Amino acid sequence: ETLAEELPLERFGPRVLYAASAIAPGTLQEGLLSRGFEVERLNTYTTRAIESPGPEMLAAMAKADVVTFGSPSAVRAWAVHS
């Protein structure tokens, strides 16, 4: 929401190519459209959880002091296995 509100139209617009996950909400796209941007969205990937992480991955997850995520779906996938 913040990016949609703050992106300067006069500097970065009016045309925007928005590469996103196929499961990403339309919040950014809709916000930019409402401000006058022309948005072309490309669903370039889909985040999926690993169904059966191996023992090495589970051990690495357990030892992590800090974990960062790039999407809400990544957080949900982590929570299932941690």
N, C-alpha and C. Protein backbone atom coordinates (compact mmCIF):
# COMPACT_ATOMS: atom_id res chain seq x y z
N GLU A 1 0.82 -1.19 0.00
CA GLU A 1 0.00 0.00 0.00
C GLU A 1 0.87 1.26 0.00
N THR A 2 1.94 1.24 0.76
CA THR A 2 2.80 2.42 0.84
C THR A 2 3.45 2.73 -0.50
N LEU A 3 3.95 1.71 -1.18
CA LEU A 3 4.57 1.92 -2.48
C LEU A 3 3.56 2.50 -3.46
N ALA A 4 2.35 1.98 -3.46
CA ALA A 4 1.31 2.49 -4.36
C ALA A 4 1.00 3.95 -4.07
N GLU A 5 1.06 4.35 -2.82
CA GLU A 5 0.76 5.73 -2.43
C GLU A 5 1.93 6.67 -2.69
N GLU A 6 3.15 6.18 -2.57
CA GLU A 6 4.32 7.06 -2.59
C GLU A 6 5.10 7.11 -3.90
N LEU A 7 4.93 6.13 -4.80
CA LEU A 7 5.70 6.11 -6.04
C LEU A 7 5.36 7.36 -6.86
N PRO A 8 6.37 8.19 -7.18
CA PRO A 8 6.10 9.44 -7.91
C PRO A 8 5.70 9.16 -9.37
N LEU A 9 4.50 9.50 -9.71
CA LEU A 9 3.99 9.30 -11.06
C LEU A 9 4.83 10.05 -12.08
N GLU A 10 5.21 11.26 -11.77
CA GLU A 10 5.97 12.08 -12.72
C GLU A 10 7.38 11.55 -12.97
N ARG A 11 7.90 10.75 -12.06
CA ARG A 11 9.25 10.22 -12.23
C ARG A 11 9.25 8.79 -12.78
N PHE A 12 8.27 7.99 -12.36
CA PHE A 12 8.27 6.57 -12.72
C PHE A 12 7.09 6.16 -13.60
N GLY A 13 6.24 7.08 -13.97
CA GLY A 13 5.04 6.71 -14.71
C GLY A 13 5.05 7.26 -16.11
N PRO A 14 3.97 7.08 -16.79
CA PRO A 14 2.76 6.44 -16.26
C PRO A 14 2.75 4.92 -16.41
N ARG A 15 3.69 4.33 -17.15
CA ARG A 15 3.65 2.89 -17.41
C ARG A 15 4.51 2.13 -16.42
N VAL A 16 3.94 1.06 -15.84
CA VAL A 16 4.63 0.24 -14.85
C VAL A 16 4.47 -1.23 -15.24
N LEU A 17 5.56 -1.96 -15.26
CA LEU A 17 5.53 -3.41 -15.42
C LEU A 17 5.67 -4.00 -14.02
N TYR A 18 4.68 -4.72 -13.60
CA TYR A 18 4.62 -5.26 -12.24
C TYR A 18 4.76 -6.78 -12.29
N ALA A 19 5.94 -7.28 -11.96
CA ALA A 19 6.18 -8.72 -11.89
C ALA A 19 5.80 -9.19 -10.50
N ALA A 20 4.92 -10.18 -10.43
CA ALA A 20 4.39 -10.60 -9.13
C ALA A 20 4.14 -12.09 -9.10
N SER A 21 3.89 -12.58 -7.91
CA SER A 21 3.46 -13.96 -7.73
C SER A 21 2.03 -14.10 -8.23
N ALA A 22 1.70 -15.24 -8.75
CA ALA A 22 0.34 -15.50 -9.21
C ALA A 22 -0.67 -15.43 -8.05
N ILE A 23 -0.19 -15.62 -6.82
CA ILE A 23 -1.09 -15.58 -5.67
C ILE A 23 -1.04 -14.26 -4.91
N ALA A 24 -0.27 -13.29 -5.41
CA ALA A 24 -0.18 -11.99 -4.74
C ALA A 24 -1.50 -11.24 -4.87
N PRO A 25 -1.92 -10.54 -3.82
CA PRO A 25 -3.14 -9.75 -3.93
C PRO A 25 -2.95 -8.59 -4.90
N GLY A 26 -4.03 -7.99 -5.32
CA GLY A 26 -3.96 -6.89 -6.28
C GLY A 26 -3.78 -5.53 -5.66
N THR A 27 -3.38 -5.46 -4.41
CA THR A 27 -3.30 -4.20 -3.69
C THR A 27 -2.40 -3.18 -4.39
N LEU A 28 -1.19 -3.57 -4.75
CA LEU A 28 -0.26 -2.64 -5.39
C LEU A 28 -0.79 -2.20 -6.76
N GLN A 29 -1.23 -3.15 -7.54
CA GLN A 29 -1.75 -2.85 -8.87
C GLN A 29 -2.94 -1.90 -8.80
N GLU A 30 -3.88 -2.19 -7.94
CA GLU A 30 -5.07 -1.35 -7.80
C GLU A 30 -4.71 0.04 -7.30
N GLY A 31 -3.79 0.11 -6.35
CA GLY A 31 -3.37 1.41 -5.83
C GLY A 31 -2.71 2.28 -6.89
N LEU A 32 -1.85 1.66 -7.71
CA LEU A 32 -1.20 2.42 -8.78
C LEU A 32 -2.21 2.85 -9.85
N LEU A 33 -3.12 1.95 -10.21
CA LEU A 33 -4.15 2.29 -11.19
C LEU A 33 -5.00 3.48 -10.72
N SER A 34 -5.33 3.49 -9.44
CA SER A 34 -6.16 4.56 -8.90
C SER A 34 -5.47 5.92 -8.92
N ARG A 35 -4.12 5.90 -9.02
CA ARG A 35 -3.35 7.14 -9.06
C ARG A 35 -3.00 7.55 -10.48
N GLY A 36 -3.43 6.79 -11.48
CA GLY A 36 -3.18 7.18 -12.86
C GLY A 36 -2.09 6.43 -13.58
N PHE A 37 -1.47 5.46 -12.92
CA PHE A 37 -0.48 4.63 -13.59
C PHE A 37 -1.17 3.67 -14.54
N GLU A 38 -0.48 3.27 -15.59
CA GLU A 38 -0.90 2.19 -16.46
C GLU A 38 -0.08 0.98 -16.04
N VAL A 39 -0.73 -0.03 -15.51
CA VAL A 39 -0.03 -1.17 -14.91
C VAL A 39 -0.23 -2.42 -15.76
N GLU A 40 0.87 -3.03 -16.13
CA GLU A 40 0.82 -4.35 -16.76
C GLU A 40 1.41 -5.33 -15.76
N ARG A 41 0.57 -6.24 -15.31
CA ARG A 41 1.00 -7.22 -14.31
C ARG A 41 1.41 -8.51 -15.02
N LEU A 42 2.56 -9.04 -14.64
CA LEU A 42 3.01 -10.33 -15.12
C LEU A 42 3.15 -11.25 -13.92
N ASN A 43 2.37 -12.31 -13.91
CA ASN A 43 2.50 -13.32 -12.86
C ASN A 43 3.67 -14.21 -13.23
N THR A 44 4.82 -13.93 -12.64
CA THR A 44 6.06 -14.59 -13.06
C THR A 44 6.46 -15.79 -12.21
N TYR A 45 5.82 -15.99 -11.08
CA TYR A 45 6.15 -17.13 -10.24
C TYR A 45 5.01 -17.41 -9.28
N THR A 46 5.08 -18.55 -8.62
CA THR A 46 4.12 -18.90 -7.58
C THR A 46 4.91 -19.47 -6.41
N THR A 47 4.65 -18.99 -5.23
CA THR A 47 5.30 -19.50 -4.04
C THR A 47 4.55 -20.74 -3.58
N ARG A 48 5.29 -21.81 -3.39
CA ARG A 48 4.69 -23.05 -2.89
C ARG A 48 5.55 -23.57 -1.74
N ALA A 49 4.90 -24.14 -0.79
CA ALA A 49 5.62 -24.72 0.35
C ALA A 49 6.26 -26.04 -0.06
N ILE A 50 7.40 -26.33 0.54
CA ILE A 50 8.03 -27.64 0.38
C ILE A 50 7.20 -28.61 1.22
N GLU A 51 6.72 -29.65 0.60
CA GLU A 51 5.83 -30.57 1.32
C GLU A 51 6.57 -31.42 2.34
N SER A 52 7.75 -31.88 2.00
CA SER A 52 8.49 -32.75 2.91
C SER A 52 9.96 -32.34 2.95
N PRO A 53 10.28 -31.30 3.75
CA PRO A 53 11.69 -30.92 3.83
C PRO A 53 12.50 -32.04 4.47
N GLY A 54 13.70 -32.22 3.96
CA GLY A 54 14.58 -33.27 4.48
C GLY A 54 15.13 -32.91 5.84
N PRO A 55 15.78 -33.87 6.48
CA PRO A 55 16.32 -33.65 7.83
C PRO A 55 17.37 -32.53 7.87
N GLU A 56 18.18 -32.39 6.81
CA GLU A 56 19.18 -31.32 6.80
C GLU A 56 18.51 -29.95 6.79
N MET A 57 17.45 -29.80 6.00
CA MET A 57 16.76 -28.52 5.95
C MET A 57 16.08 -28.22 7.28
N LEU A 58 15.43 -29.22 7.86
CA LEU A 58 14.77 -29.02 9.15
C LEU A 58 15.78 -28.63 10.23
N ALA A 59 16.97 -29.24 10.21
CA ALA A 59 18.01 -28.89 11.18
C ALA A 59 18.48 -27.46 10.97
N ALA A 60 18.66 -27.06 9.73
CA ALA A 60 19.08 -25.68 9.44
C ALA A 60 18.01 -24.69 9.90
N MET A 61 16.76 -25.04 9.69
CA MET A 61 15.67 -24.16 10.14
C MET A 61 15.68 -24.02 11.65
N ALA A 62 15.92 -25.11 12.34
CA ALA A 62 15.91 -25.10 13.80
C ALA A 62 17.06 -24.29 14.38
N LYS A 63 18.19 -24.22 13.66
CA LYS A 63 19.37 -23.51 14.16
C LYS A 63 19.37 -22.02 13.80
N ALA A 64 18.46 -21.60 12.95
CA ALA A 64 18.49 -20.21 12.47
C ALA A 64 18.19 -19.23 13.59
N ASP A 65 19.04 -18.20 13.69
CA ASP A 65 18.81 -17.13 14.66
C ASP A 65 17.90 -16.05 14.10
N VAL A 66 18.00 -15.82 12.80
CA VAL A 66 17.21 -14.80 12.13
C VAL A 66 16.69 -15.39 10.82
N VAL A 67 15.43 -15.13 10.52
CA VAL A 67 14.84 -15.59 9.27
C VAL A 67 14.11 -14.42 8.64
N THR A 68 14.30 -14.23 7.34
CA THR A 68 13.57 -13.18 6.63
C THR A 68 12.66 -13.81 5.60
N PHE A 69 11.59 -13.14 5.27
CA PHE A 69 10.60 -13.66 4.33
C PHE A 69 10.28 -12.61 3.28
N GLY A 70 9.93 -13.07 2.10
CA GLY A 70 9.58 -12.17 1.01
C GLY A 70 8.10 -12.11 0.73
N SER A 71 7.31 -12.92 1.45
CA SER A 71 5.88 -12.92 1.20
C SER A 71 5.14 -13.57 2.36
N PRO A 72 3.87 -13.27 2.50
CA PRO A 72 3.07 -13.92 3.54
C PRO A 72 2.99 -15.43 3.36
N SER A 73 2.95 -15.90 2.11
CA SER A 73 2.88 -17.34 1.88
C SER A 73 4.16 -18.03 2.34
N ALA A 74 5.28 -17.36 2.25
CA ALA A 74 6.54 -17.94 2.74
C ALA A 74 6.51 -18.08 4.27
N VAL A 75 5.92 -17.13 4.93
CA VAL A 75 5.79 -17.20 6.40
C VAL A 75 4.90 -18.39 6.78
N ARG A 76 3.80 -18.55 6.08
CA ARG A 76 2.89 -19.68 6.36
C ARG A 76 3.61 -21.01 6.14
N ALA A 77 4.38 -21.10 5.06
CA ALA A 77 5.10 -22.35 4.78
C ALA A 77 6.12 -22.64 5.87
N TRP A 78 6.82 -21.62 6.34
CA TRP A 78 7.80 -21.80 7.42
C TRP A 78 7.10 -22.29 8.70
N ALA A 79 6.00 -21.68 9.00
CA ALA A 79 5.29 -22.00 10.25
C ALA A 79 4.84 -23.46 10.28
N VAL A 80 4.51 -24.02 9.15
CA VAL A 80 4.08 -25.41 9.08
C VAL A 80 5.19 -26.36 9.53
N HIS A 81 6.44 -26.01 9.24
CA HIS A 81 7.56 -26.91 9.49
C HIS A 81 8.46 -26.51 10.65
N SER A 82 8.13 -25.46 11.34
CA SER A 82 9.01 -25.04 12.44
C SER A 82 8.40 -25.31 13.79
